[in-house]
N, C-alpha and C. Protein backbone atom coordinates (compact mmCIF):
# COMPACT_ATOMS: atom_id res chain seq x y z
N UNK A 1 0.90 -1.39 -0.08
CA UNK A 1 -0.12 -0.16 0.30
C UNK A 1 0.88 1.14 0.05
N UNK A 2 0.77 2.14 -0.87
CA UNK A 2 1.56 3.43 -0.95
C UNK A 2 1.00 4.41 -0.08
N UNK A 3 1.96 5.14 0.65
CA UNK A 3 1.47 6.37 1.46
C UNK A 3 2.26 7.55 1.18
N UNK A 4 1.96 8.63 1.77
CA UNK A 4 2.30 9.93 1.32
C UNK A 4 3.17 10.37 2.41
N UNK A 5 4.56 10.50 2.28
CA UNK A 5 5.62 10.98 3.12
C UNK A 5 5.18 12.47 3.30
N UNK A 6 4.89 13.08 4.74
CA UNK A 6 4.67 14.26 4.85
C UNK A 6 6.02 15.01 5.52
N UNK A 7 6.95 14.04 5.77
CA UNK A 7 8.09 14.95 6.41
C UNK A 7 8.80 15.86 5.35
N UNK A 8 8.82 15.81 4.22
CA UNK A 8 9.19 16.84 3.48
C UNK A 8 8.73 17.99 3.41
N UNK A 9 7.22 17.97 3.34
CA UNK A 9 6.22 19.09 3.80
C UNK A 9 6.38 19.70 4.83
N UNK A 10 6.68 19.06 5.96
CA UNK A 10 6.73 19.66 7.41
C UNK A 10 7.99 20.54 7.28
N UNK A 11 9.13 19.98 6.83
CA UNK A 11 10.45 20.63 6.97
C UNK A 11 10.42 22.05 6.24
N UNK A 12 9.52 21.84 4.94
CA UNK A 12 9.27 23.03 3.97
C UNK A 12 8.39 23.92 5.01
N UNK A 13 7.27 23.82 5.56
CA UNK A 13 6.70 24.67 6.57
C UNK A 13 7.66 25.16 7.70
N UNK A 14 8.19 24.21 8.35
CA UNK A 14 9.20 24.59 9.54
C UNK A 14 10.13 25.89 8.96
N UNK A 15 10.80 25.56 7.96
CA UNK A 15 11.83 26.71 6.96
C UNK A 15 10.85 27.85 6.72
N UNK A 16 9.81 27.86 6.34
CA UNK A 16 9.04 29.15 6.13
C UNK A 16 8.80 29.77 7.45
N UNK A 17 8.34 29.18 8.12
CA UNK A 17 8.12 29.47 9.43
C UNK A 17 9.34 30.70 10.16
N UNK A 18 10.45 29.86 10.37
CA UNK A 18 11.56 30.18 10.70
C UNK A 18 11.91 31.47 10.01
N UNK A 19 11.82 31.61 8.65
CA UNK A 19 12.29 32.68 7.90
C UNK A 19 11.31 33.75 8.02
N UNK A 20 10.33 33.70 8.46
CA UNK A 20 9.25 34.74 8.81
C UNK A 20 9.59 35.39 10.25
N UNK A 21 9.63 34.39 11.00
CA UNK A 21 10.31 34.93 12.25
C UNK A 21 11.39 35.76 12.23
N UNK A 22 12.48 35.36 11.67
CA UNK A 22 13.72 36.01 11.54
C UNK A 22 13.52 37.36 10.83
N UNK A 23 13.07 37.41 9.71
CA UNK A 23 12.71 38.55 9.11
C UNK A 23 11.95 39.64 9.55
N UNK A 24 11.04 39.38 10.64
CA UNK A 24 10.27 40.65 11.43
C UNK A 24 11.12 41.10 12.43
N UNK A 25 12.25 40.31 12.88
CA UNK A 25 13.12 40.97 13.91
C UNK A 25 13.94 42.45 12.95
N UNK A 26 14.24 42.19 12.12
CA UNK A 26 14.77 43.25 11.04
C UNK A 26 13.84 44.43 10.94
N UNK A 27 12.58 44.32 11.08
CA UNK A 27 11.80 45.64 10.90
C UNK A 27 11.83 46.28 12.08
N UNK A 28 12.38 47.60 11.74
CA UNK A 28 12.72 48.73 12.82
C UNK A 28 11.54 49.54 13.07
N UNK A 29 10.78 49.89 14.28
CA UNK A 29 9.75 50.66 14.31
C UNK A 29 10.24 51.63 15.20
N UNK A 30 9.45 52.92 15.46
CA UNK A 30 9.77 53.67 16.51
C UNK A 30 8.82 53.34 17.53
N UNK A 31 7.59 52.87 17.40
CA UNK A 31 6.70 52.84 18.18
C UNK A 31 5.35 53.43 18.14
N UNK A 32 5.32 54.73 17.50
CA UNK A 32 4.24 55.70 17.91
C UNK A 32 4.38 56.19 15.87
N UNK A 33 2.79 56.47 15.57
CA UNK A 33 2.63 56.91 14.49
C UNK A 33 2.75 58.45 14.08
N UNK A 34 3.34 59.39 13.53
CA UNK A 34 3.36 60.54 13.25
C UNK A 34 3.12 60.95 11.61
N UNK A 35 2.59 62.15 11.69
CA UNK A 35 2.28 62.70 10.29
C UNK A 35 3.55 63.21 9.89
N UNK A 36 4.03 62.77 8.74
CA UNK A 36 5.48 63.44 8.12
C UNK A 36 4.83 64.61 7.09
N UNK A 37 5.86 65.71 7.06
CA UNK A 37 5.76 66.43 6.11
C UNK A 37 6.14 66.07 4.74
N UNK A 38 5.37 66.86 3.66
CA UNK A 38 5.69 66.51 2.20
C UNK A 38 7.29 67.23 1.66
N UNK A 39 7.77 66.90 0.94
CA UNK A 39 9.10 67.60 0.75
C UNK A 39 9.35 67.26 -0.95
N UNK A 40 9.54 68.31 -1.59
CA UNK A 40 9.75 68.18 -3.14
C UNK A 40 11.14 67.61 -3.59
N UNK A 41 12.04 67.65 -2.49
CA UNK A 41 13.49 67.27 -2.82
C UNK A 41 13.74 65.85 -2.07
N UNK A 42 12.80 65.13 -1.68
CA UNK A 42 12.76 64.11 -0.59
C UNK A 42 13.44 62.88 -1.70
N UNK A 43 14.20 62.13 -1.07
CA UNK A 43 14.94 61.26 -1.59
C UNK A 43 14.92 59.58 -0.76
N UNK A 44 14.74 58.54 -1.61
CA UNK A 44 14.67 57.41 -0.92
C UNK A 44 15.94 57.10 -0.38
N UNK A 45 16.32 56.70 0.62
CA UNK A 45 17.36 56.28 1.37
C UNK A 45 16.94 54.79 2.04
N UNK A 46 18.12 53.94 1.60
CA UNK A 46 17.91 52.38 2.04
C UNK A 46 18.12 52.25 3.44
N UNK A 47 19.50 52.88 3.77
CA UNK A 47 19.86 52.52 5.24
C UNK A 47 19.52 53.65 6.10
N UNK A 48 19.53 53.34 7.37
CA UNK A 48 19.13 54.12 8.67
C UNK A 48 18.66 52.78 9.73
N UNK A 49 19.44 52.67 10.56
CA UNK A 49 19.26 51.52 11.21
C UNK A 49 18.68 51.80 12.59
N UNK A 50 18.53 53.24 13.13
CA UNK A 50 18.02 53.65 14.52
C UNK A 50 17.00 54.78 14.19
N UNK A 51 15.69 54.15 14.54
CA UNK A 51 14.69 55.44 14.16
C UNK A 51 14.51 55.91 15.52
N UNK A 52 14.02 57.31 15.12
CA UNK A 52 13.62 58.23 16.20
C UNK A 52 12.16 58.93 16.05
N UNK A 53 11.34 58.88 16.53
CA UNK A 53 10.13 59.55 16.29
C UNK A 53 10.00 60.80 17.33
N UNK A 54 9.41 61.83 16.59
CA UNK A 54 9.22 62.80 17.58
C UNK A 54 7.38 63.54 17.28
N UNK A 55 6.84 63.38 18.38
CA UNK A 55 5.64 63.68 18.33
C UNK A 55 4.87 64.71 18.35
N UNK A 56 3.50 65.22 18.00
CA UNK A 56 3.25 66.71 18.12
C UNK A 56 3.38 67.47 19.44
N UNK A 57 3.40 66.45 20.45
CA UNK A 57 3.41 67.24 21.84
C UNK A 57 4.73 67.31 22.21
N UNK A 58 6.00 66.97 21.37
CA UNK A 58 7.28 66.80 21.88
C UNK A 58 7.86 65.63 22.35
N UNK A 59 7.18 64.50 22.50
CA UNK A 59 7.54 63.34 23.08
C UNK A 59 8.56 62.88 22.01
N UNK A 60 9.49 61.85 22.41
CA UNK A 60 10.41 61.28 21.81
C UNK A 60 10.13 59.80 21.83
N UNK A 61 10.28 59.16 20.87
CA UNK A 61 10.24 57.68 21.01
C UNK A 61 11.38 57.04 20.38
N UNK A 62 12.13 56.16 21.01
CA UNK A 62 13.08 55.16 20.31
C UNK A 62 12.80 53.76 20.75
N UNK A 63 12.86 52.90 19.87
CA UNK A 63 12.61 51.25 19.83
C UNK A 63 11.09 51.23 20.78
N UNK A 64 10.39 51.69 20.49
CA UNK A 64 8.82 51.26 20.86
C UNK A 64 8.60 51.85 22.33
N UNK A 65 9.53 52.99 22.97
CA UNK A 65 9.41 53.54 24.18
C UNK A 65 9.77 54.84 24.15
N UNK A 66 9.21 55.54 25.33
CA UNK A 66 9.06 57.11 25.55
C UNK A 66 10.54 57.38 25.91
N UNK A 67 11.25 58.30 25.29
CA UNK A 67 12.81 58.68 26.11
C UNK A 67 12.59 60.00 26.39
N UNK A 68 13.56 60.57 27.48
CA UNK A 68 13.68 61.79 27.57
C UNK A 68 14.93 62.23 26.75
N UNK A 69 15.02 63.41 26.31
CA UNK A 69 16.42 63.93 25.74
C UNK A 69 17.84 63.51 26.12
N UNK A 70 17.93 63.31 27.59
CA UNK A 70 19.27 63.00 27.82
C UNK A 70 19.44 61.47 27.55
N UNK A 71 18.20 60.55 27.52
CA UNK A 71 18.31 59.14 27.21
C UNK A 71 18.56 58.90 25.79
N UNK A 72 18.20 60.08 24.91
CA UNK A 72 18.40 59.69 23.45
C UNK A 72 19.97 59.67 23.40
N UNK A 73 20.98 60.46 23.96
CA UNK A 73 22.32 60.45 23.86
C UNK A 73 22.56 59.15 24.30
N UNK A 74 22.34 58.91 25.67
CA UNK A 74 22.67 57.26 26.20
C UNK A 74 22.66 56.32 25.24
N UNK A 75 21.56 56.48 24.73
CA UNK A 75 21.00 55.08 23.82
C UNK A 75 21.74 55.07 22.61
N UNK A 76 21.84 56.45 22.26
CA UNK A 76 22.70 56.43 20.81
C UNK A 76 24.01 55.97 20.90
N UNK A 77 24.97 56.60 22.01
CA UNK A 77 25.97 56.15 22.38
C UNK A 77 26.45 54.51 22.59
N UNK A 78 25.02 53.78 23.48
CA UNK A 78 25.37 52.30 23.57
C UNK A 78 25.32 51.95 22.13
N UNK A 79 24.13 52.16 21.13
CA UNK A 79 23.77 51.65 19.91
C UNK A 79 25.28 51.69 19.16
N UNK A 80 25.80 52.95 18.82
CA UNK A 80 26.98 53.15 18.11
C UNK A 80 28.12 52.44 18.78
N UNK A 81 28.41 52.14 19.95
CA UNK A 81 29.57 51.25 20.39
C UNK A 81 29.37 49.85 19.77
N UNK A 82 28.20 49.55 19.79
CA UNK A 82 27.85 48.19 19.53
C UNK A 82 27.87 48.01 17.87
N UNK A 83 27.41 49.19 17.26
CA UNK A 83 27.67 48.86 15.47
C UNK A 83 27.88 50.23 15.24
N UNK A 84 29.39 50.48 14.85
CA UNK A 84 29.52 52.13 14.49
C UNK A 84 29.23 52.28 13.15
N UNK A 85 28.62 51.60 12.39
CA UNK A 85 28.17 52.05 10.84
C UNK A 85 26.78 52.57 10.86
N UNK A 86 26.19 52.24 12.10
CA UNK A 86 24.68 52.68 12.29
C UNK A 86 24.59 54.14 11.76
N UNK A 87 23.38 54.44 11.09
CA UNK A 87 22.94 55.82 10.85
C UNK A 87 21.54 56.15 11.76
N UNK A 88 20.85 57.30 11.44
CA UNK A 88 20.01 57.70 12.24
C UNK A 88 18.89 58.12 11.35
N UNK A 89 17.34 57.90 11.32
CA UNK A 89 16.46 58.60 10.67
C UNK A 89 15.45 58.99 11.71
N UNK A 90 15.39 60.48 11.57
CA UNK A 90 14.34 60.94 12.63
C UNK A 90 12.96 61.40 11.71
N UNK A 91 11.88 61.00 12.62
CA UNK A 91 10.65 61.10 11.96
C UNK A 91 10.20 61.88 12.80
N UNK A 92 9.83 63.40 12.18
CA UNK A 92 9.09 64.38 13.38
C UNK A 92 7.66 64.58 12.59
N UNK A 93 6.87 64.64 13.55
CA UNK A 93 5.39 65.16 13.14
C UNK A 93 5.52 66.30 12.60
N UNK A 94 5.15 66.85 11.58
CA UNK A 94 4.96 68.02 10.86
C UNK A 94 4.47 69.05 11.66
N UNK A 95 3.63 68.88 12.78
CA UNK A 95 3.27 70.14 13.98
C UNK A 95 3.94 70.19 15.15
N UNK A 96 5.23 69.09 15.15
CA UNK A 96 6.00 69.20 16.16
C UNK A 96 7.06 70.61 16.18
N UNK A 97 7.56 70.75 17.53
CA UNK A 97 8.26 72.31 17.38
C UNK A 97 9.51 71.75 16.90
N UNK A 98 10.35 73.00 16.15
CA UNK A 98 11.38 72.87 15.52
C UNK A 98 12.75 72.48 16.71
N UNK A 99 12.52 73.46 17.56
CA UNK A 99 13.50 73.28 18.84
C UNK A 99 13.77 71.79 19.08
N UNK A 100 12.43 71.10 19.49
CA UNK A 100 12.77 69.73 19.76
C UNK A 100 13.74 68.81 18.88
N UNK A 101 13.39 69.18 17.50
CA UNK A 101 13.99 68.24 16.40
C UNK A 101 15.45 68.75 16.46
N UNK A 102 15.59 69.63 16.44
CA UNK A 102 17.14 70.41 16.77
C UNK A 102 17.76 69.43 17.81
N UNK A 103 16.97 69.92 18.92
CA UNK A 103 17.75 69.33 20.43
C UNK A 103 17.93 68.05 20.11
N UNK A 104 17.20 67.16 19.44
CA UNK A 104 17.39 65.51 19.50
C UNK A 104 18.54 65.37 18.42
N UNK A 105 18.59 66.26 17.11
CA UNK A 105 20.10 66.10 16.28
C UNK A 105 21.26 66.44 16.94
N UNK A 106 21.23 67.29 17.79
CA UNK A 106 22.24 67.55 18.96
C UNK A 106 22.64 66.47 19.67
N UNK A 107 21.87 65.64 20.29
CA UNK A 107 22.02 64.75 21.20
C UNK A 107 22.68 63.52 20.12
N UNK A 108 22.03 63.47 19.28
CA UNK A 108 22.42 61.99 18.40
C UNK A 108 23.71 62.35 18.02
N UNK A 109 24.18 63.63 17.58
CA UNK A 109 25.45 63.85 16.95
C UNK A 109 26.58 63.64 18.07
N UNK A 110 26.11 64.09 19.30
CA UNK A 110 27.07 64.31 20.66
C UNK A 110 27.34 62.65 20.75
N UNK A 111 26.04 61.75 20.64
CA UNK A 111 26.39 59.99 20.76
C UNK A 111 27.04 59.71 19.98
N UNK A 112 27.72 60.40 18.93
CA UNK A 112 28.69 59.87 18.23
C UNK A 112 28.07 59.45 16.41
N UNK A 113 27.09 59.84 16.43
CA UNK A 113 26.70 59.09 14.73
C UNK A 113 26.28 60.54 14.35
N UNK A 114 27.13 60.74 13.30
CA UNK A 114 27.17 61.91 12.14
C UNK A 114 26.07 62.09 11.25
N UNK A 115 25.70 60.76 10.80
CA UNK A 115 24.86 60.82 9.58
C UNK A 115 23.43 60.64 10.34
N UNK A 116 22.73 61.78 10.01
CA UNK A 116 21.32 61.98 10.72
C UNK A 116 20.58 62.25 9.38
N UNK A 117 19.13 61.72 9.41
CA UNK A 117 18.50 61.95 8.11
C UNK A 117 16.95 62.21 8.56
N UNK A 118 16.06 62.90 8.10
CA UNK A 118 14.93 63.45 8.08
C UNK A 118 14.09 62.86 7.44
N UNK A 119 12.94 62.10 7.93
CA UNK A 119 11.98 61.14 7.38
C UNK A 119 11.05 62.21 6.67
N UNK A 120 10.51 62.32 5.45
CA UNK A 120 9.52 62.88 4.87
C UNK A 120 8.81 62.09 3.94
N UNK A 121 7.69 62.61 3.30
CA UNK A 121 7.05 61.99 2.43
C UNK A 121 7.33 62.60 1.12
N UNK A 122 7.48 61.96 -0.12
CA UNK A 122 7.72 62.47 -1.07
C UNK A 122 6.71 63.38 -1.75
N UNK A 123 6.66 64.48 -2.23
CA UNK A 123 5.45 65.27 -2.78
C UNK A 123 4.37 64.67 -3.37
N UNK A 124 3.26 64.40 -3.24
CA UNK A 124 2.20 63.91 -3.76
C UNK A 124 2.15 62.61 -3.39
N UNK A 125 2.89 62.06 -2.31
CA UNK A 125 2.97 60.59 -1.48
C UNK A 125 2.11 60.53 -0.14
């Protein structure tokens, strides 16, 4: 009597499951949603390992948690020591105060990372 061997199919399913679990760990998020400003000169940048969000009320978010301004520098220093090639992308809400954005950028640069980008929407996007 002929039987169907399910072992190869189970191996395939397990490989798919492992693949999806691993790839979801590479998705970086700030933990909050902000409304970005549109820009005519927006360029797509593929790299950007550290994401920082600034809410309309001035709250700063990194790694899905709210941080204070001094914690930004400490976190950046720690991350920069672990992976010196990292870059930062700041996603500021279009109604957030400019002063908070400047202070966050100063803290990032003081933490050792010079490559800082601002996230915007492409015009019409």
